[in-house]
Amino acid sequence: MTTEADSQTTLGADAVDVAIANGIDFDGTPIPTAKLELYNSVMALEAGRQRSGVSNTMRSRIVRIGAKHIPQDELNQMLINADFAPLKDKEIAFYYGGK
C-alpha cells in the first residue's frame, strides 16, 4: 500500500533529482552504478556549459516541459503573450510532430 508520503516523493520537479542523489529509484530499487556514473558525467559536462541567458533557458524549459502538457496552439499563444518567441518549426516538429 502506498502512503501519501511515499507518493509525494515521486511528484514535483525535484523528485527525480532527489532519487538520483540517493541512488534509489521510486520503486525502492538501487539505481545501477554504471547508470549513475554515466548520468553524473554527462551532467558535469552540462554544468560547465556557458549559458546564453536566463530568458533563453526559461523559454527552453517552458517549451520542453509545456509540450508534454499543453496543446501546440495554446503553448504557442502562451509564449507570445509572455513576450517570448513563438514556437520554432524545429520545436513543433520535434515536440508535436509525432502526435
Protein backbone atom coordinates (compact mmCIF):
# COMPACT_ATOMS: atom_id res chain seq x y z
CA MET A 1 0.00 0.00 0.00
CA THR A 2 1.33 3.44 -0.95
CA THR A 3 1.12 6.13 1.67
CA GLU A 4 0.65 9.84 0.95
CA ALA A 5 4.26 10.47 1.99
CA ASP A 6 5.50 7.80 -0.44
CA SER A 7 3.52 9.22 -3.36
CA GLN A 8 4.81 12.74 -2.62
CA THR A 9 8.39 11.54 -3.18
CA THR A 10 7.58 10.87 -6.85
CA LEU A 11 5.99 14.26 -7.53
CA GLY A 12 7.39 17.62 -8.48
CA ALA A 13 10.34 18.84 -10.42
CA ASP A 14 12.90 17.82 -7.81
CA ALA A 15 11.69 14.24 -7.26
CA VAL A 16 13.98 12.70 -9.87
CA ASP A 17 16.98 14.71 -8.67
CA VAL A 18 16.41 13.55 -5.10
CA ALA A 19 16.09 9.92 -6.22
CA ILE A 20 19.29 10.16 -8.28
CA ALA A 21 21.19 11.79 -5.40
CA ASN A 22 20.03 8.95 -3.14
CA GLY A 23 20.79 6.32 -5.79
CA ILE A 24 17.35 4.80 -5.27
CA ASP A 25 14.57 4.55 -7.87
CA PHE A 26 10.96 5.39 -6.99
CA ASP A 27 10.17 1.70 -6.53
CA GLY A 28 12.91 1.42 -3.89
CA THR A 29 15.44 -0.45 -6.02
CA PRO A 30 19.02 0.79 -6.25
CA ILE A 31 19.97 2.61 -9.44
CA PRO A 32 22.84 0.66 -11.04
CA THR A 33 26.26 2.26 -10.55
CA ALA A 34 27.02 2.38 -14.29
CA LYS A 35 23.83 4.37 -14.92
CA LEU A 36 24.60 6.79 -12.09
CA GLU A 37 28.19 7.28 -13.26
CA LEU A 38 27.13 7.98 -16.84
CA TYR A 39 24.40 10.38 -15.72
CA ASN A 40 26.76 12.22 -13.38
CA SER A 41 29.49 12.55 -16.02
CA VAL A 42 27.05 13.98 -18.59
CA MET A 43 25.53 16.35 -16.01
CA ALA A 44 29.04 17.56 -15.11
CA LEU A 45 29.58 18.46 -18.77
CA GLU A 46 26.28 20.33 -18.81
CA ALA A 47 27.13 22.16 -15.58
CA GLY A 48 30.24 23.57 -17.25
CA ARG A 49 28.44 24.78 -20.38
CA GLN A 50 28.20 28.53 -20.96
CA ARG A 51 24.60 29.73 -20.70
CA SER A 52 23.01 32.09 -23.20
CA GLY A 53 20.84 33.88 -20.67
CA VAL A 54 18.11 33.28 -18.16
CA SER A 55 15.25 34.19 -20.50
CA ASN A 56 16.51 31.75 -23.14
CA THR A 57 16.80 29.00 -20.56
CA MET A 58 13.33 29.77 -19.21
CA ARG A 59 11.85 29.59 -22.71
CA SER A 60 13.63 26.32 -23.45
CA ARG A 61 12.28 24.76 -20.26
CA ILE A 62 8.78 26.08 -20.91
CA VAL A 63 8.78 24.57 -24.41
CA ARG A 64 10.36 21.25 -23.38
CA ILE A 65 8.04 20.68 -20.44
CA GLY A 66 4.99 22.56 -21.72
CA ALA A 67 4.85 20.44 -24.88
CA LYS A 68 4.16 17.40 -22.69
CA HIS A 69 1.11 19.01 -21.15
CA ILE A 70 -0.19 21.81 -23.38
CA PRO A 71 -1.54 21.65 -26.96
CA GLN A 72 0.71 23.27 -29.58
CA ASP A 73 -1.51 26.25 -30.44
CA GLU A 74 -2.15 27.01 -26.78
CA LEU A 75 1.53 26.82 -25.82
CA ASN A 76 2.47 28.99 -28.79
CA GLN A 77 -0.04 31.66 -27.76
CA MET A 78 1.13 31.50 -24.14
CA LEU A 79 4.72 32.11 -25.29
CA ILE A 80 3.65 35.08 -27.39
CA ASN A 81 1.53 36.52 -24.58
CA ALA A 82 4.53 36.34 -22.23
CA ASP A 83 6.73 38.11 -24.81
CA PHE A 84 8.78 35.03 -25.65
CA ALA A 85 9.48 33.98 -29.24
CA PRO A 86 6.76 31.72 -30.66
CA LEU A 87 7.42 28.04 -31.28
CA LYS A 88 10.01 27.42 -33.97
CA ASP A 89 9.35 24.97 -36.81
CA LYS A 90 12.02 22.59 -35.47
CA GLU A 91 10.42 22.65 -31.99
CA ILE A 92 7.00 21.93 -33.45
CA ALA A 93 8.41 19.04 -35.48
CA PHE A 94 10.31 17.62 -32.51
CA TYR A 95 7.72 18.02 -29.76
CA TYR A 96 4.48 17.79 -31.71
CA GLY A 97 5.39 16.01 -34.96
CA GLY A 98 4.62 12.53 -33.70
CA LYS A 99 1.29 13.43 -32.10
